[in-house]
Amino acid sequence: MQSQVLSLSEIREVTSLRGVRRVLAQQNLIANLTCNKLPRICRLKRSPGPDCCNKKCVDVKTDRLNCGTCGYKCKYTETCCKGKCVNPSFDKRHCGGCNKKCKKGEFCVYGMCSYA
């Protein structure tokens, strides 16, 4: 399978289309291009994220395999919150998930504030 590379004029043409044709053209554009050749492709609405890592569009604020920076992987029990690897089972600022804070004086145990 041969990869297709579009010029900037072709990309402008795709983004100037309207309605269903524009949506289909943008999806096709994302499918056929890698961000290493055209980094701005990651800024499209249907892109998984605004950052380009290893020829893929990702969000380094939430991606476990590229947390904070390209290639930095979180450990098995960790998740990526705001670009930092955290353990949602025991982190009182991210208890049970990103940005779920426990109240003052509470502890995070097994992803629940003040468990047992």
Protein backbone atom coordinates (compact mmCIF):
# COMPACT_ATOMS: atom_id res chain seq x y z
CA MET A 1 0.00 0.00 0.00
CA GLN A 2 1.47 3.31 -1.06
CA SER A 3 1.04 6.32 1.26
CA GLN A 4 -0.48 9.43 -0.23
CA VAL A 5 1.08 12.83 0.41
CA LEU A 6 -1.04 15.91 -0.18
CA SER A 7 0.27 19.37 -0.88
CA LEU A 8 -0.80 22.42 1.14
CA SER A 9 -3.04 23.57 -1.71
CA GLU A 10 -4.84 20.20 -1.66
CA ILE A 11 -5.28 20.46 2.10
CA ARG A 12 -6.72 23.96 1.78
CA GLU A 13 -9.09 22.59 -0.86
CA VAL A 14 -10.25 19.86 1.54
CA THR A 15 -10.82 22.31 4.39
CA SER A 16 -12.77 24.66 2.11
CA LEU A 17 -15.39 22.00 1.30
CA ARG A 18 -18.74 22.14 3.06
CA GLY A 19 -21.03 19.68 4.78
CA VAL A 20 -20.71 15.92 4.42
CA ARG A 21 -18.07 16.18 1.70
CA ARG A 22 -15.82 18.13 4.06
CA VAL A 23 -16.21 15.61 6.89
CA LEU A 24 -15.44 12.68 4.59
CA ALA A 25 -12.48 14.50 3.06
CA GLN A 26 -11.02 15.31 6.50
CA GLN A 27 -11.38 11.70 7.64
CA ASN A 28 -9.65 10.55 4.46
CA LEU A 29 -6.93 13.17 5.00
CA ILE A 30 -6.25 11.92 8.53
CA ALA A 31 -6.21 8.30 7.38
CA ASN A 32 -3.71 8.94 4.58
CA LEU A 33 -1.23 11.29 6.21
CA THR A 34 1.15 10.93 9.10
CA CYS A 35 1.94 13.89 11.28
CA ASN A 36 5.70 13.64 10.83
CA LYS A 37 5.28 15.08 7.31
CA LEU A 38 2.46 17.47 8.17
CA PRO A 39 2.35 18.21 11.96
CA ARG A 40 -0.68 20.52 11.67
CA ILE A 41 -2.82 17.50 10.74
CA CYS A 42 -3.04 16.80 14.49
CA ARG A 43 -4.90 20.07 15.07
CA LEU A 44 -7.96 18.98 13.04
CA LYS A 45 -11.20 18.48 14.99
CA ARG A 46 -11.36 14.70 14.43
CA SER A 47 -7.73 14.14 15.47
CA PRO A 48 -7.01 12.01 18.57
CA GLY A 49 -4.76 14.77 19.92
CA PRO A 50 -2.82 17.93 19.06
CA ASP A 51 0.68 16.46 19.51
CA CYS A 52 2.71 14.36 17.04
CA CYS A 53 4.55 11.37 18.55
CA ASN A 54 6.05 8.57 16.44
CA LYS A 55 3.99 9.48 13.37
CA LYS A 56 0.72 9.46 15.36
CA CYS A 57 -1.46 12.25 16.70
CA VAL A 58 -1.80 11.96 20.49
CA ASP A 59 -2.65 14.11 23.50
CA VAL A 60 0.41 14.06 25.81
CA LYS A 61 -1.80 15.28 28.67
CA THR A 62 -3.81 12.02 28.73
CA ASP A 63 -1.98 9.36 26.68
CA ARG A 64 -0.44 6.61 28.86
CA LEU A 65 2.17 5.77 26.20
CA ASN A 66 3.24 9.40 25.70
CA CYS A 67 2.60 11.05 29.06
CA GLY A 68 3.92 14.60 29.27
CA THR A 69 6.34 13.99 26.39
CA CYS A 70 6.67 11.61 23.46
CA GLY A 71 7.73 8.09 24.42
CA TYR A 72 7.32 8.44 28.21
CA LYS A 73 5.20 5.47 29.33
CA CYS A 74 3.26 5.26 32.57
CA LYS A 75 3.61 2.12 34.69
CA TYR A 76 0.94 -0.59 34.49
CA THR A 77 -1.06 0.71 37.47
CA GLU A 78 -0.75 4.37 36.49
CA THR A 79 -2.77 6.66 34.24
CA CYS A 80 -1.80 9.95 32.62
CA CYS A 81 -3.43 13.04 34.16
CA LYS A 82 -2.38 16.53 33.05
CA GLY A 83 0.82 15.11 31.55
CA LYS A 84 1.93 13.28 34.71
CA CYS A 85 1.74 9.59 35.56
CA VAL A 86 -0.38 9.04 38.68
CA ASN A 87 -1.82 6.03 40.49
CA PRO A 88 -5.58 6.69 40.72
CA SER A 89 -5.92 4.04 43.42
CA PHE A 90 -3.92 6.01 45.99
CA ASP A 91 -3.42 9.60 44.74
CA LYS A 92 -5.73 11.95 46.69
CA ARG A 93 -5.61 14.56 43.86
CA HIS A 94 -6.70 11.97 41.25
CA CYS A 95 -8.64 9.43 43.32
CA GLY A 96 -10.39 6.95 41.03
CA GLY A 97 -9.63 9.09 37.95
CA CYS A 98 -8.13 12.32 36.74
CA ASN A 99 -8.90 15.46 38.77
CA LYS A 100 -11.14 13.70 41.31
CA LYS A 101 -9.85 15.25 44.52
CA CYS A 102 -10.53 13.93 48.00
CA LYS A 103 -11.73 16.42 50.61
CA LYS A 104 -9.26 17.84 53.10
CA GLY A 105 -8.22 15.19 55.64
CA GLU A 106 -9.47 12.27 53.51
CA PHE A 107 -7.23 9.57 52.04
CA CYS A 108 -7.51 7.81 48.71
CA VAL A 109 -7.66 4.03 49.08
CA TYR A 110 -8.46 1.72 46.15
CA GLY A 111 -9.71 4.70 44.14
CA MET A 112 -12.22 5.85 46.78
CA CYS A 113 -11.90 8.72 49.22
CA SER A 114 -11.99 7.66 52.89
CA TYR A 115 -12.62 3.99 52.08
CA ALA A 116 -13.56 1.96 55.16
